[in-house]
Amino acid sequence: MSDKQNGNGTPDQAEGSHPGAPAPEPIRLFGTTWVNHDNGYGLRRVGAAVGSLALAAAACLVLRFAYEGLEIADIGSFVTVLVIVMFAGSSALAFGHTWESYRKRPDPDRQASLRGLLAIGFVGSLLAYFLRSLTEAPGEKLRRQEYEAALERHQKRSARRTGNPSRKRRRS
């Protein structure tokens, strides 16, 4: 692996960027391919969509086995309904939270407090990931906005500093 590549085999900096310019933030499974949609970006999106949908289907199958276990144990309809409502509600909340995290950065404290709920509602998170993968790399729009704003700030700063200030002629 060359010095200019990250762990996903994609360049650390976008092509055509200047030294000192802000580097794009890599996205899990996509690296920095989202910047120029190159190096297998389309295949990665298809893989992410298929993979997340397959994982969601497998998770539903496991939950179905858990439901059958509750039926076999004959613990009563109240507990069975409670478990179903808990998984459905957690999945719905996880879907909403995951979907919203693709639009704006989540608060780290809130994220830490919701960790258990998101773990229980993992099916909702997987479905949100699947749906977002159909249109873009999950989180691409947010990171692109942040990256373009950082590039713009960098260009404004570098445009003001031209030449060596010590060689500047003094006006008399």
C-alpha atoms as a PDB file:
ATOM      1  CA  MET A   1       0.000   0.000   0.000  1.00  0.00           C
ATOM      2  CA  SER A   2       1.431   3.377  -0.939  1.00  0.00           C
ATOM      3  CA  ASP A   3       1.891   6.271   1.475  1.00  0.00           C
ATOM      4  CA  LYS A   4      -0.943   8.220  -0.114  1.00  0.00           C
ATOM      5  CA  GLN A   5      -3.619   5.579   0.437  1.00  0.00           C
ATOM      6  CA  ASN A   6      -5.813   4.839   3.432  1.00  0.00           C
ATOM      7  CA  GLY A   7      -6.927   1.422   4.685  1.00  0.00           C
ATOM      8  CA  ASN A   8      -9.626   1.094   1.995  1.00  0.00           C
ATOM      9  CA  GLY A   9      -7.119   1.396  -0.850  1.00  0.00           C
ATOM     10  CA  THR A  10      -8.328   4.857  -1.797  1.00  0.00           C
ATOM     11  CA  PRO A  11      -6.261   8.038  -1.916  1.00  0.00           C
ATOM     12  CA  ASP A  12      -6.126  10.078   1.284  1.00  0.00           C
ATOM     13  CA  GLN A  13      -6.457  13.377  -0.574  1.00  0.00           C
ATOM     14  CA  ALA A  14      -8.692  14.168  -3.487  1.00  0.00           C
ATOM     15  CA  GLU A  15      -7.056  14.457  -6.881  1.00  0.00           C
ATOM     16  CA  GLY A  16      -6.051  17.970  -7.752  1.00  0.00           C
ATOM     17  CA  SER A  17      -5.971  19.145  -4.128  1.00  0.00           C
ATOM     18  CA  HIS A  18      -3.095  21.280  -2.981  1.00  0.00           C
ATOM     19  CA  PRO A  19      -0.704  20.418  -0.156  1.00  0.00           C
ATOM     20  CA  GLY A  20      -2.079  21.778   3.086  1.00  0.00           C
ATOM     21  CA  ALA A  21      -5.642  21.639   1.804  1.00  0.00           C
ATOM     22  CA  PRO A  22      -8.140  19.860   4.042  1.00  0.00           C
ATOM     23  CA  ALA A  23      -8.452  16.136   3.346  1.00  0.00           C
ATOM     24  CA  PRO A  24     -11.884  14.547   2.916  1.00  0.00           C
ATOM     25  CA  GLU A  25     -13.141  12.445   5.807  1.00  0.00           C
ATOM     26  CA  PRO A  26     -13.317   8.754   4.882  1.00  0.00           C
ATOM     27  CA  ILE A  27     -16.638   6.926   5.118  1.00  0.00           C
ATOM     28  CA  ARG A  28     -16.738   3.343   6.391  1.00  0.00           C
ATOM     29  CA  LEU A  29     -16.598   0.877   3.456  1.00  0.00           C
ATOM     30  CA  PHE A  30     -16.107   3.752   0.987  1.00  0.00           C
ATOM     31  CA  GLY A  31     -12.926   5.480   2.106  1.00  0.00           C
ATOM     32  CA  THR A  32     -12.632   8.706   0.144  1.00  0.00           C
ATOM     33  CA  THR A  33     -14.069   7.295  -3.097  1.00  0.00           C
ATOM     34  CA  TRP A  34     -17.182   9.404  -2.443  1.00  0.00           C
ATOM     35  CA  VAL A  35     -15.323  12.594  -3.366  1.00  0.00           C
ATOM     36  CA  ASN A  36     -14.928  11.809  -7.080  1.00  0.00           C
ATOM     37  CA  HIS A  37     -17.077   8.648  -7.277  1.00  0.00           C
ATOM     38  CA  ASP A  38     -14.068   6.652  -8.467  1.00  0.00           C
ATOM     39  CA  ASN A  39     -12.139   3.480  -7.537  1.00  0.00           C
ATOM     40  CA  GLY A  40     -15.179   1.232  -7.456  1.00  0.00           C
ATOM     41  CA  TYR A  41     -17.555   3.641  -5.738  1.00  0.00           C
ATOM     42  CA  GLY A  42     -20.584   2.252  -7.605  1.00  0.00           C
ATOM     43  CA  LEU A  43     -19.699  -1.342  -6.760  1.00  0.00           C
ATOM     44  CA  ARG A  44     -19.141  -0.395  -3.133  1.00  0.00           C
ATOM     45  CA  ARG A  45     -22.590   1.232  -3.002  1.00  0.00           C
ATOM     46  CA  VAL A  46     -24.212  -1.849  -4.500  1.00  0.00           C
ATOM     47  CA  GLY A  47     -22.288  -4.050  -2.072  1.00  0.00           C
ATOM     48  CA  ALA A  48     -23.296  -1.893   0.889  1.00  0.00           C
ATOM     49  CA  ALA A  49     -26.955  -1.947  -0.152  1.00  0.00           C
ATOM     50  CA  VAL A  50     -27.063  -5.699  -0.755  1.00  0.00           C
ATOM     51  CA  GLY A  51     -25.051  -6.436   2.375  1.00  0.00           C
ATOM     52  CA  SER A  52     -27.157  -4.300   4.688  1.00  0.00           C
ATOM     53  CA  LEU A  53     -30.391  -5.730   3.275  1.00  0.00           C
ATOM     54  CA  ALA A  54     -29.071  -9.290   3.660  1.00  0.00           C
ATOM     55  CA  LEU A  55     -28.014  -8.574   7.238  1.00  0.00           C
ATOM     56  CA  ALA A  56     -31.432  -7.062   8.008  1.00  0.00           C
ATOM     57  CA  ALA A  57     -33.140 -10.165   6.576  1.00  0.00           C
ATOM     58  CA  ALA A  58     -30.868 -12.454   8.599  1.00  0.00           C
ATOM     59  CA  ALA A  59     -31.564 -10.406  11.726  1.00  0.00           C
ATOM     60  CA  CYS A  60     -35.316 -10.720  11.152  1.00  0.00           C
ATOM     61  CA  LEU A  61     -34.877 -14.474  10.816  1.00  0.00           C
ATOM     62  CA  VAL A  62     -33.019 -14.595  14.137  1.00  0.00           C
ATOM     63  CA  LEU A  63     -35.763 -12.496  15.754  1.00  0.00           C
ATOM     64  CA  ARG A  64     -38.321 -14.913  14.328  1.00  0.00           C
ATOM     65  CA  PHE A  65     -36.491 -17.802  16.019  1.00  0.00           C
ATOM     66  CA  ALA A  66     -36.519 -15.831  19.282  1.00  0.00           C
ATOM     67  CA  TYR A  67     -40.272 -15.293  18.898  1.00  0.00           C
ATOM     68  CA  GLU A  68     -40.778 -19.018  18.302  1.00  0.00           C
ATOM     69  CA  GLY A  69     -38.753 -19.687  21.445  1.00  0.00           C
ATOM     70  CA  LEU A  70     -41.125 -17.459  23.391  1.00  0.00           C
ATOM     71  CA  GLU A  71     -44.077 -19.339  21.915  1.00  0.00           C
ATOM     72  CA  ILE A  72     -42.568 -22.697  22.879  1.00  0.00           C
ATOM     73  CA  ALA A  73     -41.830 -21.465  26.396  1.00  0.00           C
ATOM     74  CA  ASP A  74     -45.487 -20.473  26.701  1.00  0.00           C
ATOM     75  CA  ILE A  75     -44.656 -17.449  28.851  1.00  0.00           C
ATOM     76  CA  GLY A  76     -47.908 -15.715  28.088  1.00  0.00           C
ATOM     77  CA  SER A  77     -49.241 -13.315  25.548  1.00  0.00           C
ATOM     78  CA  PHE A  78     -48.426 -10.185  27.584  1.00  0.00           C
ATOM     79  CA  VAL A  79     -44.671 -10.819  27.614  1.00  0.00           C
ATOM     80  CA  THR A  80     -44.712 -11.881  23.957  1.00  0.00           C
ATOM     81  CA  VAL A  81     -46.485  -8.679  22.940  1.00  0.00           C
ATOM     82  CA  LEU A  82     -44.139  -6.652  25.142  1.00  0.00           C
ATOM     83  CA  VAL A  83     -41.068  -8.149  23.427  1.00  0.00           C
ATOM     84  CA  ILE A  84     -42.527  -7.535  19.972  1.00  0.00           C
ATOM     85  CA  VAL A  85     -43.404  -3.924  20.803  1.00  0.00           C
ATOM     86  CA  MET A  86     -39.944  -3.393  22.305  1.00  0.00           C
ATOM     87  CA  PHE A  87     -38.130  -4.622  19.176  1.00  0.00           C
ATOM     88  CA  ALA A  88     -40.482  -2.777  16.818  1.00  0.00           C
ATOM     89  CA  GLY A  89     -40.225   0.473  18.766  1.00  0.00           C
ATOM     90  CA  SER A  90     -36.459   0.223  19.141  1.00  0.00           C
ATOM     91  CA  SER A  91     -36.090  -0.505  15.428  1.00  0.00           C
ATOM     92  CA  ALA A  92     -38.242   2.488  14.522  1.00  0.00           C
ATOM     93  CA  LEU A  93     -36.255   4.782  16.830  1.00  0.00           C
ATOM     94  CA  ALA A  94     -32.957   3.391  15.532  1.00  0.00           C
ATOM     95  CA  PHE A  95     -34.092   3.945  11.945  1.00  0.00           C
ATOM     96  CA  GLY A  96     -35.001   7.561  12.679  1.00  0.00           C
ATOM     97  CA  HIS A  97     -31.793   8.243  14.577  1.00  0.00           C
ATOM     98  CA  THR A  98     -29.609   6.633  11.903  1.00  0.00           C
ATOM     99  CA  TRP A  99     -31.424   8.446   9.094  1.00  0.00           C
ATOM    100  CA  GLU A 100     -31.045  11.777  10.892  1.00  0.00           C
ATOM    101  CA  SER A 101     -27.322  11.142  11.461  1.00  0.00           C
ATOM    102  CA  TYR A 102     -26.862  11.215   7.672  1.00  0.00           C
ATOM    103  CA  ARG A 103     -28.193  14.789   7.599  1.00  0.00           C
ATOM    104  CA  LYS A 104     -26.360  16.276  10.591  1.00  0.00           C
ATOM    105  CA  ARG A 105     -23.720  15.170  13.053  1.00  0.00           C
ATOM    106  CA  PRO A 106     -25.249  13.491  16.104  1.00  0.00           C
ATOM    107  CA  ASP A 107     -24.459  14.808  19.568  1.00  0.00           C
ATOM    108  CA  PRO A 108     -21.798  12.474  21.066  1.00  0.00           C
ATOM    109  CA  ASP A 109     -23.421  12.511  24.531  1.00  0.00           C
ATOM    110  CA  ARG A 110     -26.840  11.655  23.127  1.00  0.00           C
ATOM    111  CA  GLN A 111     -25.255   8.983  20.928  1.00  0.00           C
ATOM    112  CA  ALA A 112     -23.638   7.382  23.963  1.00  0.00           C
ATOM    113  CA  SER A 113     -26.899   7.416  25.921  1.00  0.00           C
ATOM    114  CA  LEU A 114     -28.791   5.795  23.022  1.00  0.00           C
ATOM    115  CA  ARG A 115     -26.207   3.066  22.420  1.00  0.00           C
ATOM    116  CA  GLY A 116     -28.292   0.330  24.070  1.00  0.00           C
ATOM    117  CA  LEU A 117     -31.466   1.317  22.262  1.00  0.00           C
ATOM    118  CA  LEU A 118     -29.637   1.409  18.929  1.00  0.00           C
ATOM    119  CA  ALA A 119     -28.177  -2.032  19.616  1.00  0.00           C
ATOM    120  CA  ILE A 120     -31.647  -3.469  20.262  1.00  0.00           C
ATOM    121  CA  GLY A 121     -33.069  -1.744  17.181  1.00  0.00           C
ATOM    122  CA  PHE A 122     -30.237  -2.786  14.883  1.00  0.00           C
ATOM    123  CA  VAL A 123     -32.713  -3.886  12.192  1.00  0.00           C
ATOM    124  CA  GLY A 124     -33.907  -0.290  11.827  1.00  0.00           C
ATOM    125  CA  SER A 125     -30.324   0.963  11.508  1.00  0.00           C
ATOM    126  CA  LEU A 126     -29.591  -1.641   8.831  1.00  0.00           C
ATOM    127  CA  LEU A 127     -32.699  -0.658   6.886  1.00  0.00           C
ATOM    128  CA  ALA A 128     -31.771   3.032   7.063  1.00  0.00           C
ATOM    129  CA  TYR A 129     -28.288   2.142   5.798  1.00  0.00           C
ATOM    130  CA  PHE A 130     -29.835   0.129   2.949  1.00  0.00           C
ATOM    131  CA  LEU A 131     -32.188   2.912   1.879  1.00  0.00           C
ATOM    132  CA  ARG A 132     -29.456   5.567   1.996  1.00  0.00           C
ATOM    133  CA  SER A 133     -27.116   3.315  -0.015  1.00  0.00           C
ATOM    134  CA  LEU A 134     -29.617   3.380  -2.866  1.00  0.00           C
ATOM    135  CA  THR A 135     -28.977   7.093  -3.448  1.00  0.00           C
ATOM    136  CA  GLU A 136     -25.502   7.781  -2.021  1.00  0.00           C
ATOM    137  CA  ALA A 137     -22.841   6.493   0.313  1.00  0.00           C
ATOM    138  CA  PRO A 138     -24.427   6.794   3.765  1.00  0.00           C
ATOM    139  CA  GLY A 139     -23.310  10.155   5.139  1.00  0.00           C
ATOM    140  CA  GLU A 140     -21.884  11.362   1.817  1.00  0.00           C
ATOM    141  CA  LYS A 141     -24.052  14.477   1.523  1.00  0.00           C
ATOM    142  CA  LEU A 142     -23.138  15.676   5.019  1.00  0.00           C
ATOM    143  CA  ARG A 143     -19.428  15.017   4.547  1.00  0.00           C
ATOM    144  CA  ARG A 144     -19.459  16.624   1.094  1.00  0.00           C
ATOM    145  CA  GLN A 145     -21.009  19.813   2.530  1.00  0.00           C
ATOM    146  CA  GLU A 146     -18.413  19.902   5.320  1.00  0.00           C
ATOM    147  CA  TYR A 147     -15.539  19.145   2.920  1.00  0.00           C
ATOM    148  CA  GLU A 148     -16.575  21.797   0.392  1.00  0.00           C
ATOM    149  CA  ALA A 149     -16.955  24.386   3.177  1.00  0.00           C
ATOM    150  CA  ALA A 150     -13.477  23.504   4.477  1.00  0.00           C
ATOM    151  CA  LEU A 151     -12.013  23.776   0.956  1.00  0.00           C
ATOM    152  CA  GLU A 152     -13.675  27.151   0.495  1.00  0.00           C
ATOM    153  CA  ARG A 153     -12.260  28.422   3.816  1.00  0.00           C
ATOM    154  CA  HIS A 154      -8.816  27.107   2.834  1.00  0.00           C
ATOM    155  CA  GLN A 155      -8.950  28.815  -0.571  1.00  0.00           C
ATOM    156  CA  LYS A 156      -9.955  32.127   1.021  1.00  0.00           C
ATOM    157  CA  ARG A 157      -7.080  31.889   3.513  1.00  0.00           C
ATOM    158  CA  SER A 158      -4.508  30.918   0.895  1.00  0.00           C
ATOM    159  CA  ALA A 159      -5.700  33.593  -1.568  1.00  0.00           C
ATOM    160  CA  ARG A 160      -4.966  36.324   1.001  1.00  0.00           C
ATOM    161  CA  ARG A 161      -1.407  35.093   1.549  1.00  0.00           C
ATOM    162  CA  THR A 162       0.486  35.543  -1.684  1.00  0.00           C
ATOM    163  CA  GLY A 163       4.235  35.787  -1.687  1.00  0.00           C
ATOM    164  CA  ASN A 164       6.686  36.291   1.129  1.00  0.00           C
ATOM    165  CA  PRO A 165       5.619  39.172   3.416  1.00  0.00           C
ATOM    166  CA  SER A 166       9.236  39.976   4.375  1.00  0.00           C
ATOM    167  CA  ARG A 167      10.021  40.806   0.743  1.00  0.00           C
ATOM    168  CA  LYS A 168       7.100  43.165   0.472  1.00  0.00           C
ATOM    169  CA  ARG A 169       8.162  46.657  -0.613  1.00  0.00           C
ATOM    170  CA  ARG A 170       7.258  49.407   1.751  1.00  0.00           C
ATOM    171  CA  ARG A 171       5.381  52.360   0.341  1.00  0.00           C
ATOM    172  CA  SER A 172       6.961  55.720   0.979  1.00  0.00           C
END
